[in-house]
């Protein structure tokens, strides 16, 4: 279970970390899905997911993504 204010993406961890481009591609894909969504709630949720992917891309660029032991 994930606590309040925590996103499932905060728990993502891979060996080795994925490149920023991976997260940028997924953000673009999710934004495309948001543009095609027909309900406001779904659009908003997908936009939030896209922002989370962009944050992960920024962390990957900065080398601050966690790596599994």
PDB file of N, CA and C in Angstrom:
ATOM      1  N   UNK A   1       0.840  -1.180   0.000  1.00  0.00           N
ATOM      2  CA  UNK A   1       0.000   0.000   0.000  1.00  0.00           C
ATOM      3  C   UNK A   1       0.882   1.239   0.000  1.00  0.00           C
ATOM      4  N   UNK A   2       0.486   2.237  -0.737  1.00  0.00           N
ATOM      5  CA  UNK A   2       1.250   3.472  -0.858  1.00  0.00           C
ATOM      6  C   UNK A   2       0.585   4.531   0.013  1.00  0.00           C
ATOM      7  N   UNK A   3       1.382   5.248   0.796  1.00  0.00           N
ATOM      8  CA  UNK A   3       0.859   6.262   1.706  1.00  0.00           C
ATOM      9  C   UNK A   3       0.394   7.505   0.977  1.00  0.00           C
ATOM     10  N   UNK A   4      -0.329   8.350   1.708  1.00  0.00           N
ATOM     11  CA  UNK A   4      -0.836   9.600   1.151  1.00  0.00           C
ATOM     12  C   UNK A   4       0.320  10.474   0.698  1.00  0.00           C
ATOM     13  N   UNK A   5       0.161  11.118  -0.447  1.00  0.00           N
ATOM     14  CA  UNK A   5       1.188  11.996  -0.969  1.00  0.00           C
ATOM     15  C   UNK A   5       2.335  11.271  -1.653  1.00  0.00           C
ATOM     16  N   UNK A   6       2.237   9.954  -1.743  1.00  0.00           N
ATOM     17  CA  UNK A   6       3.283   9.165  -2.375  1.00  0.00           C
ATOM     18  C   UNK A   6       2.719   8.540  -3.637  1.00  0.00           C
ATOM     19  N   UNK A   7       3.492   8.573  -4.669  1.00  0.00           N
ATOM     20  CA  UNK A   7       3.081   8.016  -5.955  1.00  0.00           C
ATOM     21  C   UNK A   7       3.778   6.684  -6.166  1.00  0.00           C
ATOM     22  N   UNK A   8       3.141   5.791  -6.882  1.00  0.00           N
ATOM     23  CA  UNK A   8       3.763   4.490  -7.152  1.00  0.00           C
ATOM     24  C   UNK A   8       5.083   4.653  -7.873  1.00  0.00           C
ATOM     25  N   UNK A   9       5.218   5.755  -8.653  1.00  0.00           N
ATOM     26  CA  UNK A   9       6.464   5.972  -9.379  1.00  0.00           C
ATOM     27  C   UNK A   9       7.623   6.283  -8.435  1.00  0.00           C
ATOM     28  N   UNK A  10       7.314   6.752  -7.216  1.00  0.00           N
ATOM     29  CA  UNK A  10       8.378   7.015  -6.253  1.00  0.00           C
ATOM     30  C   UNK A  10       9.096   5.732  -5.867  1.00  0.00           C
ATOM     31  N   UNK A  11       8.466   4.599  -6.092  1.00  0.00           N
ATOM     32  CA  UNK A  11       9.040   3.325  -5.715  1.00  0.00           C
ATOM     33  C   UNK A  11       9.746   2.621  -6.869  1.00  0.00           C
ATOM     34  N   UNK A  12       9.686   3.232  -8.056  1.00  0.00           N
ATOM     35  CA  UNK A  12      10.352   2.622  -9.198  1.00  0.00           C
ATOM     36  C   UNK A  12      11.854   2.598  -8.979  1.00  0.00           C
ATOM     37  N   UNK A  13      12.437   1.499  -9.279  1.00  0.00           N
ATOM     38  CA  UNK A  13      13.873   1.377  -9.157  1.00  0.00           C
ATOM     39  C   UNK A  13      14.298   0.257 -10.083  1.00  0.00           C
ATOM     40  N   UNK A  14      15.336   0.500 -10.836  1.00  0.00           N
ATOM     41  CA  UNK A  14      15.777  -0.493 -11.807  1.00  0.00           C
ATOM     42  C   UNK A  14      17.284  -0.638 -11.753  1.00  0.00           C
ATOM     43  N   UNK A  15      17.794  -1.663 -12.375  1.00  0.00           N
ATOM     44  CA  UNK A  15      19.239  -1.876 -12.523  1.00  0.00           C
ATOM     45  C   UNK A  15      19.554  -1.961 -13.997  1.00  0.00           C
ATOM     46  N   UNK A  16      20.303  -1.144 -14.605  1.00  0.00           N
ATOM     47  CA  UNK A  16      20.666   0.198 -14.160  1.00  0.00           C
ATOM     48  C   UNK A  16      19.488   1.148 -14.318  1.00  0.00           C
ATOM     49  N   UNK A  17      19.581   2.395 -13.827  1.00  0.00           N
ATOM     50  CA  UNK A  17      18.465   3.335 -14.000  1.00  0.00           C
ATOM     51  C   UNK A  17      18.160   3.529 -15.481  1.00  0.00           C
ATOM     52  N   UNK A  18      16.926   3.746 -15.773  1.00  0.00           N
ATOM     53  CA  UNK A  18      16.525   3.974 -17.164  1.00  0.00           C
ATOM     54  C   UNK A  18      16.954   5.376 -17.590  1.00  0.00           C
ATOM     55  N   UNK A  19      17.250   5.563 -18.877  1.00  0.00           N
ATOM     56  CA  UNK A  19      17.667   6.887 -19.348  1.00  0.00           C
ATOM     57  C   UNK A  19      16.489   7.868 -19.352  1.00  0.00           C
ATOM     58  N   UNK A  20      16.805   9.134 -19.277  1.00  0.00           N
ATOM     59  CA  UNK A  20      15.772  10.175 -19.254  1.00  0.00           C
ATOM     60  C   UNK A  20      14.853  10.068 -20.463  1.00  0.00           C
ATOM     61  N   UNK A  21      15.409   9.697 -21.614  1.00  0.00           N
ATOM     62  CA  UNK A  21      14.587   9.602 -22.837  1.00  0.00           C
ATOM     63  C   UNK A  21      13.419   8.632 -22.649  1.00  0.00           C
ATOM     64  N   UNK A  22      13.626   7.565 -21.908  1.00  0.00           N
ATOM     65  CA  UNK A  22      12.550   6.612 -21.626  1.00  0.00           C
ATOM     66  C   UNK A  22      11.374   7.324 -20.970  1.00  0.00           C
ATOM     67  N   UNK A  23      11.659   8.144 -19.963  1.00  0.00           N
ATOM     68  CA  UNK A  23      10.596   8.854 -19.249  1.00  0.00           C
ATOM     69  C   UNK A  23       9.977   9.944 -20.112  1.00  0.00           C
ATOM     70  N   UNK A  24      10.794  10.623 -20.925  1.00  0.00           N
ATOM     71  CA  UNK A  24      10.243  11.641 -21.833  1.00  0.00           C
ATOM     72  C   UNK A  24       9.276  11.007 -22.831  1.00  0.00           C
ATOM     73  N   UNK A  25       9.654   9.847 -23.377  1.00  0.00           N
ATOM     74  CA  UNK A  25       8.767   9.151 -24.333  1.00  0.00           C
ATOM     75  C   UNK A  25       7.448   8.772 -23.673  1.00  0.00           C
ATOM     76  N   UNK A  26       7.528   8.246 -22.457  1.00  0.00           N
ATOM     77  CA  UNK A  26       6.301   7.860 -21.766  1.00  0.00           C
ATOM     78  C   UNK A  26       5.453   9.069 -21.406  1.00  0.00           C
ATOM     79  N   UNK A  27       6.080  10.165 -21.036  1.00  0.00           N
ATOM     80  CA  UNK A  27       5.329  11.390 -20.747  1.00  0.00           C
ATOM     81  C   UNK A  27       4.574  11.846 -21.998  1.00  0.00           C
ATOM     82  N   UNK A  28       5.240  11.807 -23.141  1.00  0.00           N
ATOM     83  CA  UNK A  28       4.592  12.210 -24.397  1.00  0.00           C
ATOM     84  C   UNK A  28       3.429  11.289 -24.727  1.00  0.00           C
ATOM     85  N   UNK A  29       3.619  10.000 -24.516  1.00  0.00           N
ATOM     86  CA  UNK A  29       2.545   9.033 -24.790  1.00  0.00           C
ATOM     87  C   UNK A  29       1.348   9.273 -23.883  1.00  0.00           C
ATOM     88  N   UNK A  30       1.597   9.543 -22.617  1.00  0.00           N
ATOM     89  CA  UNK A  30       0.511   9.779 -21.670  1.00  0.00           C
ATOM     90  C   UNK A  30      -0.186  11.099 -21.990  1.00  0.00           C
ATOM     91  N   UNK A  31       0.575  12.126 -22.398  1.00  0.00           N
ATOM     92  CA  UNK A  31      -0.060  13.390 -22.805  1.00  0.00           C
ATOM     93  C   UNK A  31      -0.963  13.170 -24.021  1.00  0.00           C
ATOM     94  N   UNK A  32      -0.532  12.317 -24.953  1.00  0.00           N
ATOM     95  CA  UNK A  32      -1.367  12.010 -26.112  1.00  0.00           C
ATOM     96  C   UNK A  32      -2.659  11.336 -25.665  1.00  0.00           C
ATOM     97  N   UNK A  33      -2.546  10.383 -24.744  1.00  0.00           N
ATOM     98  CA  UNK A  33      -3.744   9.727 -24.216  1.00  0.00           C
ATOM     99  C   UNK A  33      -4.655  10.742 -23.530  1.00  0.00           C
ATOM    100  N   UNK A  34      -4.066  11.689 -22.797  1.00  0.00           N
ATOM    101  CA  UNK A  34      -4.865  12.718 -22.120  1.00  0.00           C
ATOM    102  C   UNK A  34      -5.629  13.557 -23.137  1.00  0.00           C
ATOM    103  N   UNK A  35      -4.984  13.864 -24.253  1.00  0.00           N
ATOM    104  CA  UNK A  35      -5.650  14.685 -25.275  1.00  0.00           C
ATOM    105  C   UNK A  35      -6.816  13.950 -25.924  1.00  0.00           C
ATOM    106  N   UNK A  36      -6.777  12.621 -25.872  1.00  0.00           N
ATOM    107  CA  UNK A  36      -7.842  11.816 -26.470  1.00  0.00           C
ATOM    108  C   UNK A  36      -8.913  11.401 -25.460  1.00  0.00           C
ATOM    109  N   UNK A  37      -8.649  11.608 -24.173  1.00  0.00           N
ATOM    110  CA  UNK A  37      -9.608  11.212 -23.139  1.00  0.00           C
ATOM    111  C   UNK A  37     -10.866  12.062 -23.244  1.00  0.00           C
ATOM    112  N   UNK A  38     -11.982  11.464 -22.870  1.00  0.00           N
ATOM    113  CA  UNK A  38     -13.266  12.157 -23.014  1.00  0.00           C
ATOM    114  C   UNK A  38     -13.847  12.658 -21.696  1.00  0.00           C
ATOM    115  N   UNK A  39     -13.245  12.312 -20.580  1.00  0.00           N
ATOM    116  CA  UNK A  39     -13.747  12.802 -19.291  1.00  0.00           C
ATOM    117  C   UNK A  39     -12.679  13.665 -18.618  1.00  0.00           C
ATOM    118  N   UNK A  40     -13.140  14.691 -17.930  1.00  0.00           N
ATOM    119  CA  UNK A  40     -12.232  15.632 -17.276  1.00  0.00           C
ATOM    120  C   UNK A  40     -11.358  14.938 -16.233  1.00  0.00           C
ATOM    121  N   UNK A  41     -11.926  14.031 -15.467  1.00  0.00           N
ATOM    122  CA  UNK A  41     -11.163  13.348 -14.414  1.00  0.00           C
ATOM    123  C   UNK A  41     -10.035  12.512 -15.004  1.00  0.00           C
ATOM    124  N   UNK A  42     -10.309  11.829 -16.093  1.00  0.00           N
ATOM    125  CA  UNK A  42      -9.285  11.006 -16.734  1.00  0.00           C
ATOM    126  C   UNK A  42      -8.205  11.898 -17.339  1.00  0.00           C
ATOM    127  N   UNK A  43      -8.616  12.987 -18.001  1.00  0.00           N
ATOM    128  CA  UNK A  43      -7.645  13.925 -18.573  1.00  0.00           C
ATOM    129  C   UNK A  43      -6.707  14.448 -17.483  1.00  0.00           C
ATOM    130  N   UNK A  44      -7.273  14.870 -16.360  1.00  0.00           N
ATOM    131  CA  UNK A  44      -6.473  15.417 -15.274  1.00  0.00           C
ATOM    132  C   UNK A  44      -5.520  14.366 -14.711  1.00  0.00           C
ATOM    133  N   UNK A  45      -6.015  13.165 -14.520  1.00  0.00           N
ATOM    134  CA  UNK A  45      -5.163  12.101 -13.990  1.00  0.00           C
ATOM    135  C   UNK A  45      -3.994  11.818 -14.939  1.00  0.00           C
ATOM    136  N   UNK A  46      -4.267  11.730 -16.221  1.00  0.00           N
ATOM    137  CA  UNK A  46      -3.217  11.455 -17.192  1.00  0.00           C
ATOM    138  C   UNK A  46      -2.210  12.600 -17.265  1.00  0.00           C
ATOM    139  N   UNK A  47      -2.681  13.825 -17.127  1.00  0.00           N
ATOM    140  CA  UNK A  47      -1.754  14.961 -17.105  1.00  0.00           C
ATOM    141  C   UNK A  47      -0.830  14.870 -15.892  1.00  0.00           C
ATOM    142  N   UNK A  48      -1.372  14.455 -14.756  1.00  0.00           N
ATOM    143  CA  UNK A  48      -0.555  14.286 -13.554  1.00  0.00           C
ATOM    144  C   UNK A  48       0.479  13.170 -13.753  1.00  0.00           C
ATOM    145  N   UNK A  49       0.071  12.090 -14.398  1.00  0.00           N
ATOM    146  CA  UNK A  49       1.009  10.997 -14.673  1.00  0.00           C
ATOM    147  C   UNK A  49       2.125  11.489 -15.596  1.00  0.00           C
ATOM    148  N   UNK A  50       1.778  12.278 -16.605  1.00  0.00           N
ATOM    149  CA  UNK A  50       2.784  12.822 -17.517  1.00  0.00           C
ATOM    150  C   UNK A  50       3.779  13.698 -16.749  1.00  0.00           C
ATOM    151  N   UNK A  51       3.295  14.499 -15.822  1.00  0.00           N
ATOM    152  CA  UNK A  51       4.189  15.331 -15.009  1.00  0.00           C
ATOM    153  C   UNK A  51       5.119  14.477 -14.157  1.00  0.00           C
ATOM    154  N   UNK A  52       4.604  13.377 -13.644  1.00  0.00           N
ATOM    155  CA  UNK A  52       5.443  12.475 -12.850  1.00  0.00           C
ATOM    156  C   UNK A  52       6.548  11.869 -13.710  1.00  0.00           C
ATOM    157  N   UNK A  53       6.217  11.503 -14.934  1.00  0.00           N
ATOM    158  CA  UNK A  53       7.243  10.986 -15.844  1.00  0.00           C
ATOM    159  C   UNK A  53       8.291  12.062 -16.138  1.00  0.00           C
ATOM    160  N   UNK A  54       7.851  13.305 -16.317  1.00  0.00           N
ATOM    161  CA  UNK A  54       8.806  14.387 -16.576  1.00  0.00           C
ATOM    162  C   UNK A  54       9.716  14.597 -15.371  1.00  0.00           C
ATOM    163  N   UNK A  55       9.177  14.482 -14.175  1.00  0.00           N
ATOM    164  CA  UNK A  55      10.011  14.598 -12.970  1.00  0.00           C
ATOM    165  C   UNK A  55      11.042  13.475 -12.928  1.00  0.00           C
ATOM    166  N   UNK A  56      10.616  12.275 -13.296  1.00  0.00           N
ATOM    167  CA  UNK A  56      11.561  11.159 -13.331  1.00  0.00           C
ATOM    168  C   UNK A  56      12.639  11.387 -14.384  1.00  0.00           C
ATOM    169  N   UNK A  57      12.264  11.959 -15.520  1.00  0.00           N
ATOM    170  CA  UNK A  57      13.249  12.263 -16.564  1.00  0.00           C
ATOM    171  C   UNK A  57      14.271  13.268 -16.044  1.00  0.00           C
ATOM    172  N   UNK A  58      13.787  14.267 -15.328  1.00  0.00           N
ATOM    173  CA  UNK A  58      14.693  15.267 -14.756  1.00  0.00           C
ATOM    174  C   UNK A  58      15.648  14.617 -13.754  1.00  0.00           C
ATOM    175  N   UNK A  59      15.117  13.731 -12.932  1.00  0.00           N
ATOM    176  CA  UNK A  59      15.966  13.027 -11.968  1.00  0.00           C
ATOM    177  C   UNK A  59      16.990  12.143 -12.682  1.00  0.00           C
ATOM    178  N   UNK A  60      16.572  11.510 -13.766  1.00  0.00           N
ATOM    179  CA  UNK A  60      17.504  10.671 -14.536  1.00  0.00           C
ATOM    180  C   UNK A  60      18.609  11.534 -15.137  1.00  0.00           C
ATOM    181  N   UNK A  61      18.244  12.713 -15.633  1.00  0.00           N
ATOM    182  CA  UNK A  61      19.243  13.636 -16.190  1.00  0.00           C
ATOM    183  C   UNK A  61      20.236  14.088 -15.127  1.00  0.00           C
ATOM    184  N   UNK A  62      19.731  14.260 -13.909  1.00  0.00           N
ATOM    185  CA  UNK A  62      20.582  14.735 -12.806  1.00  0.00           C
ATOM    186  C   UNK A  62      21.291  13.598 -12.082  1.00  0.00           C
ATOM    187  N   UNK A  63      20.972  12.358 -12.451  1.00  0.00           N
ATOM    188  CA  UNK A  63      21.599  11.208 -11.796  1.00  0.00           C
ATOM    189  C   UNK A  63      21.092  10.950 -10.402  1.00  0.00           C
ATOM    190  N   UNK A  64      19.844  11.326 -10.111  1.00  0.00           N
ATOM    191  CA  UNK A  64      19.305  11.159  -8.761  1.00  0.00           C
ATOM    192  C   UNK A  64      18.248  10.066  -8.650  1.00  0.00           C
ATOM    193  N   UNK A  65      18.122   9.225  -9.681  1.00  0.00           N
ATOM    194  CA  UNK A  65      17.194   8.103  -9.573  1.00  0.00           C
ATOM    195  C   UNK A  65      17.821   7.026  -8.697  1.00  0.00           C
ATOM    196  N   UNK A  66      17.009   6.378  -7.863  1.00  0.00           N
ATOM    197  CA  UNK A  66      17.556   5.311  -7.027  1.00  0.00           C
ATOM    198  C   UNK A  66      17.892   4.071  -7.846  1.00  0.00           C
ATOM    199  N   UNK A  67      18.859   3.326  -7.398  1.00  0.00           N
ATOM    200  CA  UNK A  67      19.235   2.068  -8.041  1.00  0.00           C
ATOM    201  C   UNK A  67      19.049   0.969  -7.007  1.00  0.00           C
ATOM    202  N   UNK A  68      18.454  -0.143  -7.419  1.00  0.00           N
ATOM    203  CA  UNK A  68      18.257  -1.271  -6.510  1.00  0.00           C
ATOM    204  C   UNK A  68      19.606  -1.822  -6.087  1.00  0.00           C
ATOM    205  N   UNK A  69      19.709  -2.256  -4.831  1.00  0.00           N
ATOM    206  CA  UNK A  69      20.973  -2.867  -4.382  1.00  0.00           C
ATOM    207  C   UNK A  69      21.254  -4.197  -5.037  1.00  0.00           C
TER     208      UNK A  69
END
